[in-house]
Amino acid sequence: MKDQIGQVAGKIWRTLETKGEVSLAQLPKILKEKDATAYQGLGWLAREGKVNYRTEGTRTFVSVVK
């Protein structure tokens, strides 16, 4: 499971590098991953300080730290 989450974290990183900022709700759909796996991968990146979060109203967006 840890390997799978790490692979999804890499997929998230590449996606955010390409697309820029993405809605948190749309991320699993863009990745074509289960919600739980996508959010665990995102947590991995957040723990490493590699992503930024921004809230606009009720929506949350994520992007890579530049």
N, C-alpha and C. Protein backbone atom coordinates (compact mmCIF):
# COMPACT_ATOMS: atom_id res chain seq x y z
N MET A 1 0.82 -1.20 0.00
CA MET A 1 0.00 0.00 0.00
C MET A 1 0.87 1.26 0.00
N LYS A 2 1.95 1.25 0.78
CA LYS A 2 2.83 2.41 0.85
C LYS A 2 3.44 2.71 -0.52
N ASP A 3 3.81 1.67 -1.25
CA ASP A 3 4.36 1.87 -2.60
C ASP A 3 3.33 2.52 -3.53
N GLN A 4 2.09 2.06 -3.43
CA GLN A 4 1.02 2.60 -4.28
C GLN A 4 0.79 4.08 -3.97
N ILE A 5 0.78 4.43 -2.69
CA ILE A 5 0.58 5.83 -2.30
C ILE A 5 1.74 6.68 -2.80
N GLY A 6 2.95 6.16 -2.71
CA GLY A 6 4.12 6.87 -3.22
C GLY A 6 4.05 7.09 -4.72
N GLN A 7 3.56 6.09 -5.44
CA GLN A 7 3.41 6.23 -6.90
C GLN A 7 2.36 7.28 -7.24
N VAL A 8 1.27 7.29 -6.47
CA VAL A 8 0.22 8.29 -6.70
C VAL A 8 0.74 9.69 -6.35
N ALA A 9 1.55 9.79 -5.31
CA ALA A 9 2.16 11.09 -4.96
C ALA A 9 2.98 11.61 -6.15
N GLY A 10 3.73 10.75 -6.79
CA GLY A 10 4.49 11.14 -7.97
C GLY A 10 3.59 11.56 -9.11
N LYS A 11 2.50 10.85 -9.27
CA LYS A 11 1.53 11.18 -10.32
C LYS A 11 0.89 12.55 -10.05
N ILE A 12 0.60 12.82 -8.79
CA ILE A 12 0.04 14.12 -8.40
C ILE A 12 1.04 15.22 -8.72
N TRP A 13 2.30 15.00 -8.32
CA TRP A 13 3.34 16.00 -8.56
C TRP A 13 3.45 16.34 -10.06
N ARG A 14 3.51 15.31 -10.89
CA ARG A 14 3.61 15.54 -12.34
C ARG A 14 2.38 16.26 -12.89
N THR A 15 1.21 15.90 -12.39
CA THR A 15 -0.03 16.52 -12.84
C THR A 15 -0.06 18.00 -12.47
N LEU A 16 0.33 18.31 -11.24
CA LEU A 16 0.33 19.71 -10.80
C LEU A 16 1.40 20.52 -11.52
N GLU A 17 2.52 19.90 -11.83
CA GLU A 17 3.57 20.59 -12.59
C GLU A 17 3.06 20.95 -13.98
N THR A 18 2.25 20.08 -14.56
CA THR A 18 1.73 20.28 -15.91
C THR A 18 0.53 21.22 -15.92
N LYS A 19 -0.44 20.96 -15.05
CA LYS A 19 -1.71 21.70 -15.08
C LYS A 19 -1.69 22.96 -14.23
N GLY A 20 -0.78 23.05 -13.29
CA GLY A 20 -0.80 24.18 -12.35
C GLY A 20 -1.77 23.88 -11.23
N GLU A 21 -2.47 24.89 -10.78
CA GLU A 21 -3.41 24.74 -9.67
C GLU A 21 -4.62 23.90 -10.07
N VAL A 22 -5.03 23.00 -9.17
CA VAL A 22 -6.15 22.09 -9.44
C VAL A 22 -7.08 22.09 -8.23
N SER A 23 -8.36 22.01 -8.48
CA SER A 23 -9.36 21.89 -7.41
C SER A 23 -9.15 20.57 -6.68
N LEU A 24 -9.16 20.62 -5.37
CA LEU A 24 -8.97 19.43 -4.56
C LEU A 24 -10.03 18.37 -4.88
N ALA A 25 -11.25 18.80 -5.11
CA ALA A 25 -12.34 17.87 -5.43
C ALA A 25 -12.14 17.18 -6.78
N GLN A 26 -11.49 17.85 -7.72
CA GLN A 26 -11.29 17.30 -9.06
C GLN A 26 -10.05 16.40 -9.16
N LEU A 27 -9.14 16.51 -8.20
CA LEU A 27 -7.87 15.80 -8.29
C LEU A 27 -8.03 14.29 -8.50
N PRO A 28 -8.84 13.57 -7.72
CA PRO A 28 -8.98 12.12 -7.97
C PRO A 28 -9.51 11.80 -9.37
N LYS A 29 -10.40 12.62 -9.87
CA LYS A 29 -10.96 12.40 -11.21
C LYS A 29 -9.89 12.61 -12.28
N ILE A 30 -9.10 13.65 -12.13
CA ILE A 30 -8.03 13.93 -13.08
C ILE A 30 -7.02 12.79 -13.09
N LEU A 31 -6.71 12.28 -11.90
CA LEU A 31 -5.71 11.21 -11.77
C LEU A 31 -6.27 9.84 -12.13
N LYS A 32 -7.60 9.74 -12.14
CA LYS A 32 -8.28 8.45 -12.33
C LYS A 32 -7.88 7.48 -11.23
N GLU A 33 -7.92 7.99 -9.99
CA GLU A 33 -7.59 7.22 -8.79
C GLU A 33 -8.76 7.31 -7.81
N LYS A 34 -8.84 6.36 -6.89
CA LYS A 34 -9.84 6.43 -5.83
C LYS A 34 -9.55 7.65 -4.96
N ASP A 35 -10.62 8.24 -4.42
CA ASP A 35 -10.47 9.43 -3.59
C ASP A 35 -9.45 9.21 -2.47
N ALA A 36 -9.61 8.13 -1.72
CA ALA A 36 -8.73 7.87 -0.57
C ALA A 36 -7.27 7.79 -0.97
N THR A 37 -6.97 7.12 -2.06
CA THR A 37 -5.59 6.98 -2.52
C THR A 37 -5.03 8.32 -2.97
N ALA A 38 -5.83 9.09 -3.69
CA ALA A 38 -5.38 10.41 -4.15
C ALA A 38 -5.10 11.32 -2.96
N TYR A 39 -5.98 11.32 -1.97
CA TYR A 39 -5.78 12.20 -0.81
C TYR A 39 -4.62 11.72 0.06
N GLN A 40 -4.37 10.43 0.11
CA GLN A 40 -3.20 9.93 0.84
C GLN A 40 -1.91 10.36 0.14
N GLY A 41 -1.90 10.28 -1.17
CA GLY A 41 -0.74 10.75 -1.94
C GLY A 41 -0.52 12.23 -1.76
N LEU A 42 -1.60 12.99 -1.73
CA LEU A 42 -1.50 14.43 -1.52
C LEU A 42 -0.97 14.72 -0.11
N GLY A 43 -1.41 13.95 0.86
CA GLY A 43 -0.91 14.09 2.23
C GLY A 43 0.58 13.84 2.29
N TRP A 44 1.04 12.86 1.54
CA TRP A 44 2.47 12.55 1.46
C TRP A 44 3.25 13.79 1.00
N LEU A 45 2.77 14.40 -0.08
CA LEU A 45 3.42 15.59 -0.61
C LEU A 45 3.32 16.77 0.36
N ALA A 46 2.18 16.90 1.02
CA ALA A 46 2.00 17.99 1.99
C ALA A 46 2.96 17.83 3.16
N ARG A 47 3.15 16.61 3.61
CA ARG A 47 4.06 16.34 4.72
C ARG A 47 5.49 16.72 4.36
N GLU A 48 5.83 16.56 3.09
CA GLU A 48 7.16 16.92 2.61
C GLU A 48 7.27 18.41 2.25
N GLY A 49 6.16 19.15 2.41
CA GLY A 49 6.17 20.59 2.12
C GLY A 49 6.24 20.92 0.64
N LYS A 50 5.70 20.03 -0.20
CA LYS A 50 5.81 20.21 -1.65
C LYS A 50 4.57 20.77 -2.33
N VAL A 51 3.49 20.98 -1.56
CA VAL A 51 2.27 21.52 -2.15
C VAL A 51 1.73 22.69 -1.33
N ASN A 52 1.04 23.58 -2.01
CA ASN A 52 0.34 24.71 -1.39
C ASN A 52 -1.15 24.48 -1.50
N TYR A 53 -1.88 24.96 -0.51
CA TYR A 53 -3.34 24.93 -0.53
C TYR A 53 -3.85 26.36 -0.55
N ARG A 54 -4.93 26.58 -1.29
CA ARG A 54 -5.59 27.89 -1.33
C ARG A 54 -7.09 27.66 -1.30
N THR A 55 -7.78 28.41 -0.44
CA THR A 55 -9.23 28.29 -0.33
C THR A 55 -9.88 29.53 -0.92
N GLU A 56 -10.90 29.28 -1.73
CA GLU A 56 -11.70 30.36 -2.33
C GLU A 56 -13.16 30.00 -2.09
N GLY A 57 -13.78 30.69 -1.18
CA GLY A 57 -15.16 30.35 -0.80
C GLY A 57 -15.17 28.98 -0.15
N THR A 58 -15.91 28.05 -0.75
CA THR A 58 -15.96 26.70 -0.21
C THR A 58 -15.06 25.72 -0.95
N ARG A 59 -14.34 26.22 -1.94
CA ARG A 59 -13.47 25.36 -2.75
C ARG A 59 -12.02 25.49 -2.29
N THR A 60 -11.32 24.36 -2.34
CA THR A 60 -9.90 24.34 -2.00
C THR A 60 -9.12 23.91 -3.23
N PHE A 61 -8.00 24.59 -3.47
CA PHE A 61 -7.15 24.33 -4.61
C PHE A 61 -5.77 23.93 -4.12
N VAL A 62 -5.09 23.13 -4.90
CA VAL A 62 -3.74 22.68 -4.55
C VAL A 62 -2.81 22.95 -5.73
N SER A 63 -1.57 23.29 -5.40
CA SER A 63 -0.55 23.54 -6.42
C SER A 63 0.80 23.16 -5.83
N VAL A 64 1.82 23.06 -6.69
CA VAL A 64 3.16 22.73 -6.21
C VAL A 64 3.84 23.97 -5.64
N VAL A 65 4.70 23.76 -4.69
CA VAL A 65 5.51 24.84 -4.13
C VAL A 65 6.58 25.18 -5.15
N LYS A 66 6.69 26.45 -5.47
CA LYS A 66 7.71 26.90 -6.44
C LYS A 66 8.84 27.55 -5.71
